[in-house]
Amino acid sequence: MTDCLFCKIINGEIPSQKVYEDDKIYAFNDIDPQAPVHFLVIPKEHISSALELSDANAGIVAHIFATVAKLAREMGFADGGYRVVNNCGADGGQTVGHLHFHVLAGRNIGWPPG
């Protein structure tokens, strides 16, 4: 997808602060962090939102969550806990049309959100 912000980040057309990358996903620091640790994890394949997940592509979500757990241990916030957030659609707060997960940690994340 040529006009997708996150596809441009994956392709290196827009700079980002990389946290992690492999052949399937890319993680980078959020430009407007809401916690001491706040990064996004996105699939390299363009999937517009969680509504476009299917049996054929849903495995990416398991890979993302397994990688987040690994990063939580490596980055030292696993013991304190963290939150993983996916916004889906306009009413859900999704502002970029590419499936992504926010990882927030480093402080008590209250409930309910927003």
Protein backbone atom coordinates (compact mmCIF):
# COMPACT_ATOMS: atom_id res chain seq x y z
CA MET A 1 0.00 0.00 0.00
CA THR A 2 1.73 3.18 -1.16
CA ASP A 3 -0.02 5.81 0.99
CA CYS A 4 0.06 3.94 4.32
CA LEU A 5 2.09 5.69 7.03
CA PHE A 6 3.21 2.44 8.64
CA CYS A 7 4.11 0.83 5.31
CA LYS A 8 6.33 3.86 4.67
CA ILE A 9 7.98 3.38 8.07
CA ILE A 10 8.60 -0.31 7.31
CA ASN A 11 10.11 0.63 3.93
CA GLY A 12 12.40 3.24 5.52
CA GLU A 13 10.70 6.15 3.75
CA ILE A 14 9.80 7.71 7.12
CA PRO A 15 12.32 7.50 9.96
CA SER A 16 11.50 5.71 13.21
CA GLN A 17 13.25 4.57 16.36
CA LYS A 18 13.39 0.82 15.85
CA VAL A 19 12.84 -1.40 18.88
CA TYR A 20 12.74 -4.74 17.05
CA GLU A 21 12.52 -6.20 13.57
CA ASP A 22 12.30 -9.63 12.00
CA ASP A 23 11.00 -10.93 8.68
CA LYS A 24 7.33 -10.60 9.74
CA ILE A 25 7.04 -7.62 12.10
CA TYR A 26 8.52 -4.24 12.95
CA ALA A 27 8.41 -2.48 16.32
CA PHE A 28 9.23 1.18 16.92
CA ASN A 29 8.86 3.82 19.61
CA ASP A 30 5.64 5.84 19.60
CA ILE A 31 6.20 9.51 18.66
CA ASP A 32 3.77 10.60 21.40
CA PRO A 33 4.49 8.20 24.28
CA GLN A 34 1.80 7.74 26.90
CA ALA A 35 4.04 5.78 29.29
CA PRO A 36 7.78 5.51 29.98
CA VAL A 37 7.79 2.53 27.61
CA HIS A 38 5.50 2.96 24.61
CA PHE A 39 6.18 1.28 21.31
CA LEU A 40 4.09 -0.05 18.44
CA VAL A 41 4.33 -3.46 16.83
CA ILE A 42 3.11 -3.82 13.26
CA PRO A 43 3.04 -6.62 10.72
CA LYS A 44 5.13 -6.01 7.62
CA GLU A 45 2.22 -7.28 5.54
CA HIS A 46 -0.37 -4.55 5.15
CA ILE A 47 -3.48 -5.53 7.07
CA SER A 48 -5.81 -2.56 7.52
CA SER A 49 -7.25 -3.49 10.91
CA ALA A 50 -8.22 -6.38 13.17
CA LEU A 51 -11.40 -6.64 11.09
CA GLU A 52 -9.27 -7.96 8.22
CA LEU A 53 -7.81 -10.85 10.19
CA SER A 54 -8.69 -14.28 8.84
CA ASP A 55 -7.59 -17.87 9.25
CA ALA A 56 -5.00 -17.19 6.55
CA ASN A 57 -3.27 -14.25 8.29
CA ALA A 58 -4.21 -14.46 11.99
CA GLY A 59 -0.96 -16.24 12.87
CA ILE A 60 0.73 -12.85 12.79
CA VAL A 61 -1.09 -11.89 15.98
CA ALA A 62 0.37 -14.89 17.85
CA HIS A 63 3.82 -13.96 16.56
CA ILE A 64 3.35 -10.36 17.70
CA PHE A 65 2.25 -11.38 21.21
CA ALA A 66 5.11 -13.90 21.57
CA THR A 67 7.57 -11.22 20.49
CA VAL A 68 6.09 -8.67 22.91
CA ALA A 69 6.57 -11.17 25.77
CA LYS A 70 10.19 -11.72 24.69
CA LEU A 71 10.82 -7.97 24.49
CA ALA A 72 9.17 -7.42 27.89
CA ARG A 73 11.67 -9.80 29.46
CA GLU A 74 14.65 -8.41 27.52
CA MET A 75 13.74 -4.76 28.18
CA GLY A 76 13.06 -5.40 31.87
CA PHE A 77 9.38 -4.53 32.22
CA ALA A 78 7.89 -8.04 32.31
CA ASP A 79 7.82 -8.32 36.10
CA GLY A 80 6.09 -4.96 36.57
CA GLY A 81 3.51 -5.72 33.90
CA TYR A 82 2.43 -4.03 30.71
CA ARG A 83 -0.55 -3.40 28.49
CA VAL A 84 -1.03 -4.30 24.83
CA VAL A 85 -3.69 -2.26 23.02
CA ASN A 86 -5.24 -2.61 19.58
CA ASN A 87 -7.60 0.09 18.36
CA CYS A 88 -10.00 -1.03 15.64
CA GLY A 89 -11.99 1.41 13.53
CA ALA A 90 -12.77 5.08 14.07
CA ASP A 91 -14.90 4.62 17.19
CA GLY A 92 -12.20 2.34 18.61
CA GLY A 93 -9.61 5.08 18.21
CA GLN A 94 -7.70 3.69 15.22
CA THR A 95 -6.00 6.60 13.45
CA VAL A 96 -3.68 4.70 11.08
CA GLY A 97 -5.21 2.13 8.73
CA HIS A 98 -2.61 -0.58 9.37
CA LEU A 99 -2.99 -3.23 12.06
CA HIS A 100 -0.87 -2.24 15.06
CA PHE A 101 -0.48 -2.94 18.73
CA HIS A 102 0.61 -0.39 21.33
CA VAL A 103 2.81 -1.74 24.13
CA LEU A 104 2.77 0.44 27.26
CA ALA A 105 4.79 -0.13 30.44
CA GLY A 106 6.89 1.55 33.09
CA ARG A 107 4.05 2.94 35.20
CA ASN A 108 0.70 1.86 36.59
CA ILE A 109 -1.67 1.84 33.61
CA GLY A 110 -5.07 2.76 35.05
CA TRP A 111 -8.46 1.39 34.10
CA PRO A 112 -10.75 2.28 32.49
CA PRO A 113 -8.86 3.85 29.60
CA GLY A 114 -9.90 7.11 27.90
